[in-house]
Amino acid sequence: MTLITLLATIVAMLGLGIAAGYYLRYLHALSKKSSIEITNKQRLLEAEARAIKIQEKAEEKAAAIELEAKTERKALEEKLNQKEARLEKREELLDGRQIDADSQKEALQNKIEEVKSIKARLDERKNELDAKLETIAGITAEEAFEKIVTKIEIERTEDLNARLQKIELFNNEQIEAKATNILLSAIHRIGNVMPTSVMTSHLEIPSDDLKGKIIGKEGRNVRAFERATGVDVLIDETPGYIVLSSFDPIRREIARVAMEALLKDGRIQPAKIEEAVDLARKEVASI
């Protein structure tokens, strides 16, 4: 192989090497370009997917907001309708009340006019009667008024006299009551120096059986009699007799009348004793 051939071969090899390098670089660049394009497309797809999701969320949120707005609007419309209904009802009620008030006012005015008319007729009738009275009695209304006043004064005077008589009678009764109290007080004071016969009453006991009834079980009847009359009862002091002792002659007389009634009846117990004493008190008071 000659030098030229060798050089040509080397040059050719170098050319092929350079061409192969350029080609490889071209392939690498082309590959790199494709990878970038693929990455860009992936990013673009991902961006589009995120945009679609954002749009879907935005649409969902917009739909929810629209639904909420519709719900609130419906509720607001219902409230407004209710308020309008209440206002209409209130207006109807006020209209009805106004009508009633107007009717009552008109009725009241009619009553007032009717009363005025009746009063006018009464005044007219009164004047006619006054005129007739003056004609019949021959006196004027002033003279009739004076006679009525005089009559009233006479009646008042008579009524006053009657009241004075009642007061005088009441005072006399009060005086008599005070006198009785003074007399009883005097009897109290001189009771210790008066003879026993003056302060006692004696009643005969028909039988021992009645004596036992008067005493009662454990002395119950005799104590009831003493409480009701205010008189002491002495049974065993004088054989065959009951002694009623008291410085008050009225009480002693009431006790005597009551005891006689009990002895005659034979039924002696606290209730009968009270009844007999009440009857005796009325009987003595009527004397």
Protein backbone atom coordinates (compact mmCIF):
# COMPACT_ATOMS: atom_id res chain seq x y z
CA MET A 1 0.00 0.00 0.00
CA THR A 2 1.38 3.28 -0.96
CA LEU A 3 1.55 6.31 1.24
CA ILE A 4 -0.99 8.08 -0.77
CA THR A 5 -3.33 5.19 -0.47
CA LEU A 6 -2.67 5.06 3.20
CA LEU A 7 -3.26 8.72 3.58
CA ALA A 8 -6.38 8.47 1.51
CA THR A 9 -7.54 5.64 3.64
CA ILE A 10 -6.81 7.58 6.80
CA VAL A 11 -8.55 10.60 5.43
CA ALA A 12 -11.49 8.48 4.42
CA MET A 13 -11.57 6.90 7.83
CA LEU A 14 -11.38 10.28 9.44
CA GLY A 15 -14.18 11.54 7.22
CA LEU A 16 -16.25 8.53 8.09
CA GLY A 17 -15.50 9.04 11.77
CA ILE A 18 -16.44 12.68 11.59
CA ALA A 19 -19.59 11.83 9.64
CA ALA A 20 -20.43 9.10 12.13
CA GLY A 21 -19.86 11.57 15.01
CA TYR A 22 -22.07 14.13 13.43
CA TYR A 23 -24.67 11.52 12.80
CA LEU A 24 -24.51 10.26 16.34
CA ARG A 25 -24.72 13.78 17.64
CA TYR A 26 -27.67 14.33 15.37
CA LEU A 27 -29.34 11.21 16.67
CA HIS A 28 -28.61 12.26 20.26
CA ALA A 29 -29.99 15.71 19.61
CA LEU A 30 -33.01 14.22 17.92
CA SER A 31 -33.53 11.88 20.85
CA LYS A 32 -33.11 14.68 23.31
CA LYS A 33 -35.55 16.81 21.37
CA SER A 34 -38.12 14.00 21.37
CA SER A 35 -37.65 13.50 25.14
CA ILE A 36 -38.20 17.21 25.74
CA GLU A 37 -41.26 17.19 23.55
CA ILE A 38 -42.62 14.16 25.39
CA THR A 39 -41.94 15.83 28.77
CA ASN A 40 -43.57 19.00 27.56
CA LYS A 41 -46.56 17.05 26.33
CA GLN A 42 -46.80 15.25 29.67
CA ARG A 43 -46.61 18.53 31.51
CA LEU A 44 -49.20 19.96 29.17
CA LEU A 45 -51.46 16.98 29.77
CA GLU A 46 -50.98 17.25 33.53
CA ALA A 47 -51.75 20.97 33.36
CA GLU A 48 -54.83 20.27 31.33
CA ALA A 49 -55.92 17.59 33.83
CA ARG A 50 -55.37 20.02 36.75
CA ALA A 51 -57.28 22.70 34.86
CA ILE A 52 -60.13 20.25 34.26
CA LYS A 53 -60.20 19.35 37.99
CA ILE A 54 -60.12 23.01 38.98
CA GLN A 55 -62.89 23.72 36.52
CA GLU A 56 -64.92 20.78 37.85
CA LYS A 57 -64.44 21.97 41.45
CA ALA A 58 -65.31 25.49 40.41
CA GLU A 59 -68.43 24.23 38.68
CA GLU A 60 -69.38 22.11 41.73
CA LYS A 61 -68.83 25.10 44.03
CA ALA A 62 -70.77 27.33 41.69
CA ALA A 63 -73.62 24.78 41.64
CA ALA A 64 -73.58 24.58 45.47
CA ILE A 65 -73.58 28.37 45.75
CA GLU A 66 -76.41 28.57 43.21
CA LEU A 67 -78.42 25.92 45.14
CA GLU A 68 -77.81 27.72 48.46
CA ALA A 69 -78.81 30.99 46.85
CA LYS A 70 -81.98 29.41 45.48
CA THR A 71 -82.79 27.92 48.92
CA GLU A 72 -82.24 31.23 50.69
CA ARG A 73 -84.26 33.03 48.04
CA LYS A 74 -87.11 30.55 48.46
CA ALA A 75 -87.03 30.91 52.26
CA LEU A 76 -86.94 34.69 51.93
CA GLU A 77 -89.85 34.59 49.51
CA GLU A 78 -91.84 32.42 51.96
CA LYS A 79 -91.10 34.86 54.80
CA LEU A 80 -92.14 37.76 52.65
CA ASN A 81 -95.33 35.94 51.66
CA GLN A 82 -96.08 35.21 55.34
CA LYS A 83 -95.46 38.84 56.27
CA GLU A 84 -97.68 39.99 53.45
CA ALA A 85 -100.40 37.57 54.57
CA ARG A 86 -100.14 38.82 58.18
CA LEU A 87 -100.24 42.42 57.01
CA GLU A 88 -103.27 41.72 54.87
CA LYS A 89 -104.98 39.97 57.79
CA ARG A 90 -104.08 42.84 60.13
CA GLU A 91 -105.42 45.33 57.63
CA GLU A 92 -108.64 43.34 57.38
CA LEU A 93 -108.88 43.23 61.19
CA LEU A 94 -108.23 46.96 61.46
CA ASP A 95 -110.80 47.61 58.77
CA GLY A 96 -113.30 45.49 60.70
CA ARG A 97 -112.52 47.30 63.95
CA GLN A 98 -112.83 50.63 62.23
CA ILE A 99 -116.21 49.58 60.88
CA ASP A 100 -117.28 48.44 64.39
CA ALA A 101 -115.99 51.69 65.92
CA ASP A 102 -117.86 53.71 63.35
CA SER A 103 -121.01 51.70 64.01
CA GLN A 104 -120.66 52.13 67.78
CA LYS A 105 -119.98 55.83 67.37
CA GLU A 106 -123.07 56.19 65.20
CA ALA A 107 -125.16 54.18 67.69
CA LEU A 108 -123.84 56.29 70.59
CA GLN A 109 -124.63 59.47 68.72
CA ASN A 110 -128.14 58.18 68.07
CA LYS A 111 -128.53 57.39 71.79
CA ILE A 112 -127.35 60.88 72.72
CA GLU A 113 -129.83 62.41 70.33
CA GLU A 114 -132.55 60.15 71.70
CA VAL A 115 -131.70 61.13 75.31
CA LYS A 116 -131.75 64.80 74.35
CA SER A 117 -135.14 64.32 72.73
CA ILE A 118 -136.51 62.49 75.78
CA LYS A 119 -135.10 65.17 78.12
CA ALA A 120 -136.70 67.88 76.02
CA ARG A 121 -140.06 66.08 76.17
CA LEU A 122 -139.70 65.57 79.93
CA ASP A 123 -138.88 69.23 80.46
CA GLU A 124 -141.86 70.17 78.37
CA ARG A 125 -144.06 67.74 80.33
CA LYS A 126 -142.71 69.06 83.63
CA ASN A 127 -143.53 72.60 82.65
CA GLU A 128 -147.04 71.52 81.71
CA LEU A 129 -147.50 69.70 85.03
CA ASP A 130 -146.13 72.68 86.97
CA ALA A 131 -148.59 74.91 85.20
CA LYS A 132 -151.49 72.54 85.93
CA LEU A 133 -150.38 72.19 89.55
CA GLU A 134 -150.30 75.96 89.98
CA THR A 135 -153.74 76.19 88.40
CA ILE A 136 -155.24 73.41 90.57
CA ALA A 137 -153.53 74.29 93.86
CA GLY A 138 -153.67 78.01 93.34
CA ILE A 139 -150.02 78.35 94.39
CA THR A 140 -146.80 78.87 92.51
CA ALA A 141 -143.96 76.38 92.25
CA GLU A 142 -141.94 78.43 94.77
CA GLU A 143 -144.77 78.26 97.30
CA ALA A 144 -145.12 74.51 96.75
CA PHE A 145 -141.39 74.12 97.30
CA GLU A 146 -141.60 76.05 100.57
CA LYS A 147 -144.46 73.79 101.73
CA ILE A 148 -142.43 70.69 100.89
CA VAL A 149 -139.44 72.08 102.79
CA THR A 150 -141.68 72.84 105.78
CA LYS A 151 -143.10 69.31 105.69
CA ILE A 152 -139.60 67.85 105.57
CA GLU A 153 -138.53 69.97 108.54
CA ILE A 154 -141.55 68.74 110.53
CA GLU A 155 -140.77 65.14 109.65
CA ARG A 156 -137.13 65.65 110.56
CA THR A 157 -138.17 67.16 113.89
CA GLU A 158 -140.46 64.23 114.64
CA ASP A 159 -137.70 61.80 113.67
CA LEU A 160 -135.27 63.67 115.91
CA ASN A 161 -137.70 63.52 118.83
CA ALA A 162 -138.13 59.79 118.30
CA ARG A 163 -134.36 59.33 118.28
CA LEU A 164 -134.07 61.38 121.48
CA GLN A 165 -136.71 59.20 123.12
CA LYS A 166 -134.78 56.08 122.12
CA ILE A 167 -131.59 57.58 123.51
CA GLU A 168 -133.37 58.48 126.74
CA LEU A 169 -134.81 54.97 127.02
CA PHE A 170 -131.36 53.51 126.38
CA ASN A 171 -129.87 55.78 129.04
CA ASN A 172 -132.57 54.69 131.50
CA GLU A 173 -131.76 51.06 130.77
CA GLN A 174 -128.08 51.79 131.28
CA ILE A 175 -128.88 53.54 134.57
CA GLU A 176 -130.97 50.57 135.72
CA ALA A 177 -128.16 48.18 134.77
CA LYS A 178 -125.64 50.27 136.72
CA ALA A 179 -128.01 50.39 139.69
CA THR A 180 -128.35 46.60 139.58
CA ASN A 181 -124.56 46.23 139.50
CA ILE A 182 -124.25 48.60 142.45
CA LEU A 183 -126.89 46.61 144.34
CA LEU A 184 -125.15 43.32 143.64
CA SER A 185 -121.83 44.84 144.71
CA ALA A 186 -123.43 45.98 147.94
CA ILE A 187 -124.83 42.50 148.49
CA HIS A 188 -121.32 41.12 148.00
CA ARG A 189 -119.94 43.48 150.58
CA ILE A 190 -122.57 42.77 153.21
CA GLY A 191 -122.93 39.09 152.39
CA ASN A 192 -120.67 38.07 155.25
CA VAL A 193 -122.79 39.85 157.86
CA MET A 194 -126.24 38.79 156.51
CA PRO A 195 -128.09 35.85 158.12
CA THR A 196 -127.67 32.51 156.37
CA SER A 197 -131.43 32.20 155.90
CA VAL A 198 -131.40 35.30 153.70
CA MET A 199 -128.72 33.86 151.40
CA THR A 200 -130.12 30.28 151.06
CA SER A 201 -133.08 28.48 149.56
CA HIS A 202 -134.27 25.04 150.71
CA LEU A 203 -135.82 22.39 148.47
CA GLU A 204 -137.15 19.07 149.72
CA ILE A 205 -135.71 15.91 148.12
CA PRO A 206 -138.57 13.44 147.44
CA SER A 207 -136.29 10.35 147.54
CA ASP A 208 -132.72 9.16 147.95
CA ASP A 209 -132.79 8.03 144.31
CA LEU A 210 -133.28 11.64 143.17
CA LYS A 211 -130.58 12.72 145.59
CA GLY A 212 -128.14 10.37 143.84
CA LYS A 213 -129.22 11.68 140.43
CA ILE A 214 -128.64 15.27 141.56
CA ILE A 215 -125.13 14.41 142.71
CA GLY A 216 -124.39 12.33 139.60
CA LYS A 217 -121.46 10.04 138.95
CA GLU A 218 -118.48 11.36 140.93
CA GLY A 219 -120.40 14.64 141.50
CA ARG A 220 -120.63 15.46 137.78
CA ASN A 221 -124.25 16.71 137.83
CA VAL A 222 -123.94 18.89 140.91
CA ARG A 223 -120.79 20.54 139.51
CA ALA A 224 -122.55 21.17 136.21
CA PHE A 225 -125.48 22.77 138.08
CA GLU A 226 -123.16 25.03 140.11
CA ARG A 227 -121.30 26.14 136.95
CA ALA A 228 -124.54 26.91 135.12
CA THR A 229 -126.15 28.87 137.96
CA GLY A 230 -123.22 30.29 139.94
CA VAL A 231 -124.87 28.94 143.10
CA ASP A 232 -123.42 26.57 145.71
CA VAL A 233 -125.41 23.31 146.18
CA LEU A 234 -125.37 21.78 149.67
CA ILE A 235 -126.98 18.34 149.85
CA ASP A 236 -125.87 16.64 153.09
CA GLU A 237 -126.06 19.73 155.30
CA THR A 238 -129.80 19.36 156.04
CA PRO A 239 -131.24 15.79 155.84
CA GLY A 240 -134.01 15.48 153.23
CA TYR A 241 -133.33 18.91 151.72
CA ILE A 242 -131.17 20.59 149.09
CA VAL A 243 -129.70 23.93 150.11
CA LEU A 244 -128.97 26.52 147.42
CA SER A 245 -126.57 29.15 148.74
CA SER A 246 -125.76 32.50 147.09
CA PHE A 247 -125.67 36.15 148.10
CA ASP A 248 -127.17 37.01 144.67
CA PRO A 249 -130.95 36.62 145.04
CA ILE A 250 -131.51 36.54 141.28
CA ARG A 251 -129.06 33.71 140.73
CA ARG A 252 -130.49 31.88 143.74
CA GLU A 253 -134.04 32.21 142.36
CA ILE A 254 -132.94 30.94 138.94
CA ALA A 255 -131.25 27.98 140.62
CA ARG A 256 -134.38 27.24 142.68
CA VAL A 257 -136.69 27.28 139.66
CA ALA A 258 -134.27 25.10 137.66
CA MET A 259 -133.82 22.58 140.51
CA GLU A 260 -137.58 22.27 141.01
CA ALA A 261 -138.00 21.52 137.32
CA LEU A 262 -135.23 18.91 137.42
CA LEU A 263 -136.68 17.21 140.51
CA LYS A 264 -140.09 17.14 138.88
CA ASP A 265 -138.75 15.74 135.58
CA GLY A 266 -136.41 13.18 137.18
CA ARG A 267 -134.03 13.15 134.21
CA ILE A 268 -130.89 14.83 135.53
CA GLN A 269 -127.80 15.10 133.37
CA PRO A 270 -125.53 17.99 132.23
CA ALA A 271 -127.50 18.66 129.01
CA LYS A 272 -130.84 18.70 130.86
CA ILE A 273 -129.31 20.91 133.56
CA GLU A 274 -128.25 23.50 130.94
CA GLU A 275 -131.72 23.40 129.38
CA ALA A 276 -133.49 23.76 132.75
CA VAL A 277 -131.25 26.69 133.78
CA ASP A 278 -131.91 28.53 130.46
CA LEU A 279 -135.67 28.11 130.89
CA ALA A 280 -135.47 29.24 134.52
CA ARG A 281 -133.43 32.30 133.56
CA LYS A 282 -136.09 33.31 130.97
CA GLU A 283 -138.88 32.71 133.48
CA VAL A 284 -137.22 34.83 136.17
CA ALA A 285 -136.45 37.59 133.65
CA SER A 286 -140.12 37.77 132.65
CA ILE A 287 -141.29 38.38 136.21
